[in-house]
Amino acid sequence: MHELAIASEVIRIALESVPSDRDANILCINIEIGELSCVQSESLEFAFQALSKATPLENAKLNITRIEPL
């Protein structure tokens, strides 16, 4: 289940972008995933919701766009 690791990394990157001198809530995150990546969108969303509890991302929406292969 590499979706858990992907969600964890997305959260880490997003939290690094929040200025440390103020409280902030992130409303949405947009990511693109290749169709051939074998990432399950539902599993990624579930992992994201579980890992983002009690963080500025807790209420954020994860917008996933699937990218067709070239």
N, C-alpha and C. Protein backbone atom coordinates (compact mmCIF):
# COMPACT_ATOMS: atom_id res chain seq x y z
N MET A 1 0.84 -1.18 0.00
CA MET A 1 0.00 0.00 0.00
C MET A 1 0.88 1.25 0.00
N HIS A 2 1.39 1.60 -1.17
CA HIS A 2 2.26 2.77 -1.25
C HIS A 2 1.47 4.07 -1.19
N GLU A 3 0.14 4.01 -1.24
CA GLU A 3 -0.67 5.21 -1.10
C GLU A 3 -0.46 5.88 0.25
N LEU A 4 -0.21 5.09 1.28
CA LEU A 4 0.05 5.64 2.62
C LEU A 4 1.33 6.47 2.61
N ALA A 5 2.36 5.96 1.97
CA ALA A 5 3.63 6.70 1.89
C ALA A 5 3.47 7.97 1.04
N ILE A 6 2.69 7.88 -0.03
CA ILE A 6 2.46 9.05 -0.87
C ILE A 6 1.70 10.11 -0.09
N ALA A 7 0.64 9.71 0.60
CA ALA A 7 -0.15 10.66 1.41
C ALA A 7 0.72 11.31 2.47
N SER A 8 1.56 10.53 3.11
CA SER A 8 2.45 11.06 4.14
C SER A 8 3.40 12.11 3.55
N GLU A 9 3.92 11.85 2.39
CA GLU A 9 4.84 12.78 1.74
C GLU A 9 4.11 14.04 1.28
N VAL A 10 2.91 13.91 0.75
CA VAL A 10 2.11 15.07 0.35
C VAL A 10 1.86 15.96 1.56
N ILE A 11 1.50 15.36 2.67
CA ILE A 11 1.25 16.12 3.90
C ILE A 11 2.52 16.81 4.38
N ARG A 12 3.64 16.11 4.36
CA ARG A 12 4.91 16.69 4.79
C ARG A 12 5.26 17.92 3.95
N ILE A 13 5.13 17.79 2.65
CA ILE A 13 5.45 18.90 1.74
C ILE A 13 4.51 20.08 1.98
N ALA A 14 3.22 19.80 2.12
CA ALA A 14 2.25 20.87 2.35
C ALA A 14 2.52 21.59 3.66
N LEU A 15 2.82 20.84 4.70
CA LEU A 15 3.08 21.47 6.00
C LEU A 15 4.36 22.30 5.99
N GLU A 16 5.32 21.92 5.19
CA GLU A 16 6.55 22.71 5.07
C GLU A 16 6.28 24.06 4.42
N SER A 17 5.21 24.15 3.63
CA SER A 17 4.91 25.40 2.93
C SER A 17 4.13 26.39 3.79
N VAL A 18 3.65 25.94 4.94
CA VAL A 18 2.90 26.82 5.84
C VAL A 18 3.89 27.64 6.66
N PRO A 19 3.75 28.97 6.66
CA PRO A 19 4.65 29.80 7.46
C PRO A 19 4.55 29.42 8.94
N SER A 20 5.68 29.30 9.59
CA SER A 20 5.71 28.85 10.98
C SER A 20 5.28 29.94 11.97
N ASP A 21 5.22 31.19 11.52
CA ASP A 21 4.89 32.28 12.43
C ASP A 21 3.39 32.55 12.56
N ARG A 22 2.56 31.72 11.90
CA ARG A 22 1.11 31.94 12.05
C ARG A 22 0.36 30.63 11.87
N ASP A 23 -0.83 30.61 12.44
CA ASP A 23 -1.70 29.46 12.27
C ASP A 23 -2.33 29.53 10.88
N ALA A 24 -2.40 28.41 10.23
CA ALA A 24 -2.97 28.39 8.89
C ALA A 24 -3.73 27.09 8.70
N ASN A 25 -4.74 27.17 7.89
CA ASN A 25 -5.48 25.99 7.47
C ASN A 25 -5.39 25.90 5.96
N ILE A 26 -4.99 24.78 5.47
CA ILE A 26 -4.90 24.55 4.04
C ILE A 26 -6.26 24.01 3.59
N LEU A 27 -6.82 24.62 2.56
CA LEU A 27 -8.16 24.26 2.11
C LEU A 27 -8.19 23.14 1.09
N CYS A 28 -7.19 23.10 0.21
CA CYS A 28 -7.16 22.03 -0.78
C CYS A 28 -5.74 21.80 -1.27
N ILE A 29 -5.53 20.60 -1.76
CA ILE A 29 -4.26 20.22 -2.36
C ILE A 29 -4.58 19.59 -3.71
N ASN A 30 -3.91 20.06 -4.74
CA ASN A 30 -4.10 19.52 -6.09
C ASN A 30 -2.89 18.68 -6.46
N ILE A 31 -3.13 17.44 -6.84
CA ILE A 31 -2.04 16.58 -7.28
C ILE A 31 -2.42 15.91 -8.59
N GLU A 32 -1.41 15.57 -9.35
CA GLU A 32 -1.60 14.84 -10.61
C GLU A 32 -0.96 13.48 -10.46
N ILE A 33 -1.69 12.45 -10.90
CA ILE A 33 -1.19 11.08 -10.80
C ILE A 33 -1.31 10.43 -12.18
N GLY A 34 -0.24 9.82 -12.62
CA GLY A 34 -0.26 9.14 -13.91
C GLY A 34 -1.14 7.90 -13.88
N GLU A 35 -1.84 7.66 -14.96
CA GLU A 35 -2.73 6.49 -15.07
C GLU A 35 -1.96 5.18 -14.87
N LEU A 36 -0.70 5.15 -15.25
CA LEU A 36 0.09 3.92 -15.17
C LEU A 36 0.84 3.77 -13.84
N SER A 37 0.56 4.64 -12.89
CA SER A 37 1.29 4.63 -11.62
C SER A 37 0.82 3.56 -10.64
N CYS A 38 -0.33 2.96 -10.90
CA CYS A 38 -0.92 1.94 -10.02
C CYS A 38 -1.33 2.51 -8.66
N VAL A 39 -1.54 3.82 -8.58
CA VAL A 39 -2.02 4.44 -7.35
C VAL A 39 -3.54 4.43 -7.37
N GLN A 40 -4.14 3.91 -6.31
CA GLN A 40 -5.59 3.88 -6.17
C GLN A 40 -6.05 5.19 -5.53
N SER A 41 -6.84 5.96 -6.26
CA SER A 41 -7.28 7.26 -5.76
C SER A 41 -8.03 7.15 -4.44
N GLU A 42 -8.90 6.17 -4.32
CA GLU A 42 -9.69 6.01 -3.09
C GLU A 42 -8.79 5.70 -1.89
N SER A 43 -7.80 4.85 -2.11
CA SER A 43 -6.87 4.52 -1.03
C SER A 43 -6.02 5.72 -0.64
N LEU A 44 -5.63 6.50 -1.62
CA LEU A 44 -4.84 7.70 -1.35
C LEU A 44 -5.67 8.71 -0.57
N GLU A 45 -6.91 8.91 -0.96
CA GLU A 45 -7.79 9.83 -0.24
C GLU A 45 -8.01 9.37 1.20
N PHE A 46 -8.22 8.07 1.39
CA PHE A 46 -8.42 7.52 2.73
C PHE A 46 -7.19 7.74 3.60
N ALA A 47 -6.03 7.44 3.05
CA ALA A 47 -4.77 7.62 3.80
C ALA A 47 -4.55 9.09 4.13
N PHE A 48 -4.84 9.96 3.17
CA PHE A 48 -4.68 11.41 3.39
C PHE A 48 -5.57 11.87 4.53
N GLN A 49 -6.83 11.47 4.52
CA GLN A 49 -7.76 11.87 5.58
C GLN A 49 -7.31 11.35 6.95
N ALA A 50 -6.84 10.12 6.99
CA ALA A 50 -6.40 9.53 8.25
C ALA A 50 -5.16 10.23 8.80
N LEU A 51 -4.20 10.51 7.93
CA LEU A 51 -2.94 11.10 8.38
C LEU A 51 -3.02 12.60 8.64
N SER A 52 -4.01 13.26 8.08
CA SER A 52 -4.10 14.72 8.22
C SER A 52 -4.87 15.16 9.46
N LYS A 53 -5.39 14.22 10.23
CA LYS A 53 -6.13 14.58 11.46
C LYS A 53 -5.22 15.40 12.38
N ALA A 54 -5.81 16.41 13.00
CA ALA A 54 -5.13 17.28 13.97
C ALA A 54 -3.94 18.03 13.35
N THR A 55 -4.04 18.33 12.07
CA THR A 55 -3.03 19.15 11.38
C THR A 55 -3.76 20.28 10.66
N PRO A 56 -3.03 21.26 10.14
CA PRO A 56 -3.69 22.31 9.34
C PRO A 56 -4.36 21.77 8.08
N LEU A 57 -4.14 20.51 7.77
CA LEU A 57 -4.73 19.88 6.58
C LEU A 57 -5.98 19.08 6.89
N GLU A 58 -6.41 19.09 8.14
CA GLU A 58 -7.50 18.21 8.57
C GLU A 58 -8.76 18.36 7.71
N ASN A 59 -9.10 19.56 7.31
CA ASN A 59 -10.31 19.78 6.52
C ASN A 59 -10.03 20.01 5.04
N ALA A 60 -8.80 19.77 4.63
CA ALA A 60 -8.42 20.02 3.24
C ALA A 60 -9.02 18.97 2.30
N LYS A 61 -9.33 19.42 1.11
CA LYS A 61 -9.82 18.51 0.08
C LYS A 61 -8.63 18.13 -0.80
N LEU A 62 -8.51 16.87 -1.07
CA LEU A 62 -7.45 16.37 -1.94
C LEU A 62 -8.03 16.22 -3.35
N ASN A 63 -7.61 17.09 -4.26
CA ASN A 63 -8.07 17.05 -5.65
C ASN A 63 -7.07 16.25 -6.47
N ILE A 64 -7.52 15.13 -7.00
CA ILE A 64 -6.64 14.24 -7.77
C ILE A 64 -7.03 14.31 -9.23
N THR A 65 -6.05 14.64 -10.07
CA THR A 65 -6.24 14.64 -11.51
C THR A 65 -5.42 13.50 -12.08
N ARG A 66 -6.06 12.67 -12.90
CA ARG A 66 -5.36 11.55 -13.53
C ARG A 66 -4.77 12.03 -14.85
N ILE A 67 -3.51 11.67 -15.10
CA ILE A 67 -2.79 12.07 -16.29
C ILE A 67 -2.66 10.85 -17.22
N GLU A 68 -3.07 11.03 -18.44
CA GLU A 68 -2.97 9.97 -19.45
C GLU A 68 -1.51 9.79 -19.87
N PRO A 69 -1.13 8.56 -20.20
CA PRO A 69 0.23 8.34 -20.71
C PRO A 69 0.41 8.99 -22.07
N LEU A 70 1.64 9.36 -22.38
CA LEU A 70 1.93 10.00 -23.67
C LEU A 70 1.95 9.00 -24.80
